[in-house]
Amino acid sequence: EAENINAQGNELMQKKQFSQALELYTKALKISPAGPNSHVYYSNRSAAHLSLGDAESSIQDSQLALTIRPDYTKAHSRLGLAHYASGRYEEAVESYDAAMDLEPDNEWVKRQYEKARKMLVKVQEDEKEVLAEDKEGGDWPSPFAKTAIDGEAKRKEAEDIIRQADEYKDSGNAFMKDKNFEEALYEYNLAIEISADGPNSHIYYSNRAAAYCYLGQYSEAADDCLSSIELNDSYEKARARYGLSLYFLGDYEGSIDAYRKSLELAPDNKASLSYLAKAKARLAVQQENEMQDDMANKLNLGQEGLGAGNGEEFVQDENGEGCGEESNELSQSRDDEGEGVEASYYGFSPPAQGLKGFDPPAFDPFDSDEGDEI
């Protein structure tokens, strides 16, 4: 039973429902506090705590996981990430070092170890500089030395967290360019875990939405777009990606509204103009189909046996052909020169639930000439 509950918690983590996942991991631990897989439940709850911004609880759960199974690499690496997020770089280095002892070829752990080590060296150098400046100003030790160090340390800690989150974002962008979308998603997750509401967090959410879109996970993409917009309501990319997500979810009215708001911020965005036109066309077809279905139902009720009485749908256009699919003319938008300006999928529309692993053309809604976004 504990295993099933843990699995449900993992599913909620994938959906970014961290509080609910936390509750399930706690429930699994109540059922099996010291079972053969309890170290996994503690480690998973550690990840949930960190996703909710609670680094201290994350540290505690990772340590509990390690008391049950000291050789659990994932618990060591999560402990390192939680220490890093709380500004304890020396402890982070020690945790990553322990993880590397267990898995010497783990490239992710190696990267995190090197980042933590660099931050530790930098903080130590900064502290020495503050102490040296204070000593030069009067008799040693100054009564204000500790206050100055603490204030400077907090400022540096905040800056370091943002810097680390940006590094995760940059790594995710590199994976996106290589079309390694799942790895990109993982890096954006790390950026959001340590900086969920920082000055650049709207970019992290928007970029993760792009990764979700490429993987066909449009509901998750839409949620991330809303998180990005909540942090920065003038961020055009998030509004455009929200429109795209709703488009492939079949919510054409919502997509139209999102693209209109996006175009208020970037009136010349070709991708947004193109998909706004497509969403309008799809909505018109959808409404026409609903009208035809309604008429057919009324005919079926009033004239049983005429066309629909044999179980077939009585829906025809004026030429006697079915009206259920979008015509080819509606599947492509054009610019003033008559050239197609489809942002992606030229003439191809994935199903409403998305298409995993598709390979969009070079010109798509996710391209950017800005270094910090995709």
Foldseek 3Di string as FASTA:
>chain_A
DLVVLQVVLVVVVVLVVLVVSLVSLVVSCVVPVQDPCNLVSLQSNLLSCLLVVNLVSSLVSLVSSCVNPVLPLSSLQSNLLSCLLVVNLVSSLVSLVSSCVNPVPPVVSVVSNVLSVVLVVVLVVVLVVLCVVCVVVDPPPDPCSVVVSVVVSVVSSVVSLLVQLLVLLLVLVVCVVVVVLVSSLVSLSSSCSSPVQDPCNLQSLLQNLVSCQQQLQLVSSLVSLVSSCVNPVLPLLSLQSNLVSCVLLVNLVSSLVSLVSSCVNVVPDLQSVWVNLLSVQSVVLVVVVVVQQVVQVVCCVVPQPPPPVVPDGPAADPVRHHSNDRDQVSQFDADPVRDTSHQWPRSHRDHSSTDGPDDTDPRHSQDDPDSSHD
